[in-house]
């Protein structure tokens, strides 16, 4: 018996924020101790 092709159902996701935003960079990705070197901070 041959299977019939069924069109896949796609789910549309509502994305409000992403982590790799390079324009603003005003949110730290984690909590850091005071005095953490700037180069070790990660921003989004």
N, C-alpha and C. Protein backbone atom coordinates (compact mmCIF):
# COMPACT_ATOMS: atom_id res chain seq x y z
N UNK A 1 0.84 -1.17 0.00
CA UNK A 1 0.00 0.00 0.00
C UNK A 1 0.89 1.25 0.00
N UNK A 2 0.65 2.15 -0.92
CA UNK A 2 1.43 3.37 -1.06
C UNK A 2 0.88 4.47 -0.13
N UNK A 3 1.79 5.17 0.55
CA UNK A 3 1.37 6.25 1.45
C UNK A 3 1.03 7.49 0.64
N UNK A 4 0.04 8.22 1.12
CA UNK A 4 -0.34 9.48 0.51
C UNK A 4 0.49 10.62 1.11
N UNK A 5 0.94 11.54 0.26
CA UNK A 5 1.68 12.71 0.74
C UNK A 5 0.73 13.63 1.48
N UNK A 6 1.16 14.04 2.69
CA UNK A 6 0.40 15.02 3.46
C UNK A 6 1.25 16.26 3.63
N UNK A 7 0.68 17.40 3.33
CA UNK A 7 1.40 18.65 3.47
C UNK A 7 1.69 18.90 4.95
N UNK A 8 2.98 19.18 5.30
CA UNK A 8 3.30 19.42 6.72
C UNK A 8 2.65 20.71 7.23
N UNK A 9 2.32 20.69 8.51
CA UNK A 9 1.74 21.86 9.15
C UNK A 9 2.87 22.62 9.84
N UNK A 10 3.02 23.89 9.49
CA UNK A 10 4.07 24.71 10.08
C UNK A 10 3.51 25.54 11.22
N UNK A 11 4.31 25.64 12.29
CA UNK A 11 3.91 26.43 13.44
C UNK A 11 4.60 27.79 13.35
N UNK A 12 3.84 28.87 13.47
CA UNK A 12 4.39 30.21 13.42
C UNK A 12 4.72 30.64 14.85
N UNK A 13 5.98 30.97 15.09
CA UNK A 13 6.40 31.38 16.42
C UNK A 13 6.41 32.89 16.54
N UNK A 14 6.01 33.40 17.67
CA UNK A 14 5.98 34.83 17.93
C UNK A 14 7.21 35.17 18.77
N UNK A 15 8.25 35.69 18.12
CA UNK A 15 9.51 35.99 18.80
C UNK A 15 9.52 37.47 19.18
N UNK A 16 9.68 37.74 20.47
CA UNK A 16 9.67 39.12 20.95
C UNK A 16 11.07 39.66 21.22
N UNK A 17 12.00 38.81 21.63
CA UNK A 17 13.37 39.24 21.91
C UNK A 17 14.34 38.15 21.49
N UNK A 18 15.47 38.56 20.97
CA UNK A 18 16.52 37.61 20.65
C UNK A 18 17.78 38.00 21.40
N UNK A 19 18.71 37.06 21.57
CA UNK A 19 19.90 37.31 22.38
C UNK A 19 21.01 38.06 21.63
N UNK A 20 21.08 37.97 20.34
CA UNK A 20 22.24 38.52 19.64
C UNK A 20 22.08 39.91 19.08
N UNK A 21 21.28 40.74 19.67
CA UNK A 21 21.02 42.08 19.15
C UNK A 21 22.25 42.96 19.30
N UNK A 22 22.75 43.50 18.21
CA UNK A 22 23.97 44.31 18.26
C UNK A 22 23.71 45.81 18.27
N UNK A 23 22.48 46.25 18.04
CA UNK A 23 22.22 47.68 17.94
C UNK A 23 22.12 48.35 19.31
N UNK A 24 21.42 47.73 20.26
CA UNK A 24 21.20 48.38 21.56
C UNK A 24 22.27 47.99 22.57
N UNK A 25 22.43 46.73 22.81
CA UNK A 25 23.41 46.22 23.78
C UNK A 25 23.26 46.91 25.13
N UNK A 26 22.04 46.92 25.67
CA UNK A 26 21.82 47.58 26.95
C UNK A 26 21.42 46.61 28.06
N UNK A 27 21.45 45.31 27.79
CA UNK A 27 21.10 44.32 28.79
C UNK A 27 22.23 43.30 28.94
N UNK A 28 22.67 43.07 30.16
CA UNK A 28 23.65 42.02 30.41
C UNK A 28 22.95 40.66 30.33
N UNK A 29 23.65 39.65 29.84
CA UNK A 29 23.07 38.32 29.70
C UNK A 29 23.04 37.55 31.02
N UNK A 30 23.77 38.00 32.02
CA UNK A 30 23.81 37.31 33.31
C UNK A 30 24.18 38.32 34.38
N UNK A 31 24.14 37.88 35.64
CA UNK A 31 24.59 38.75 36.74
C UNK A 31 26.09 38.57 36.90
N UNK A 32 26.79 39.66 37.05
CA UNK A 32 28.25 39.62 37.20
C UNK A 32 28.64 40.31 38.50
N UNK A 33 29.72 39.84 39.08
CA UNK A 33 30.27 40.47 40.28
C UNK A 33 30.81 41.85 39.93
N UNK A 34 30.78 42.77 40.88
CA UNK A 34 31.36 44.09 40.68
C UNK A 34 32.85 43.93 40.36
N UNK A 35 33.33 44.68 39.40
CA UNK A 35 34.74 44.62 39.04
C UNK A 35 35.05 43.61 37.95
N UNK A 36 34.04 42.94 37.39
CA UNK A 36 34.27 41.99 36.30
C UNK A 36 34.80 42.77 35.09
N UNK A 37 35.91 42.33 34.49
CA UNK A 37 36.45 43.05 33.33
C UNK A 37 35.42 43.16 32.20
N UNK A 38 35.40 44.29 31.54
CA UNK A 38 34.44 44.56 30.46
C UNK A 38 34.47 43.47 29.39
N UNK A 39 35.66 42.97 29.06
CA UNK A 39 35.80 41.97 28.01
C UNK A 39 35.11 40.65 28.37
N UNK A 40 34.86 40.40 29.65
CA UNK A 40 34.21 39.16 30.06
C UNK A 40 32.70 39.27 30.16
N UNK A 41 32.17 40.47 29.98
CA UNK A 41 30.72 40.68 30.02
C UNK A 41 30.11 40.29 28.68
N UNK A 42 28.91 39.72 28.72
CA UNK A 42 28.18 39.43 27.48
C UNK A 42 26.90 40.23 27.49
N UNK A 43 26.60 40.88 26.36
CA UNK A 43 25.49 41.81 26.24
C UNK A 43 24.47 41.31 25.24
N UNK A 44 23.25 41.79 25.38
CA UNK A 44 22.24 41.57 24.35
C UNK A 44 21.30 42.76 24.29
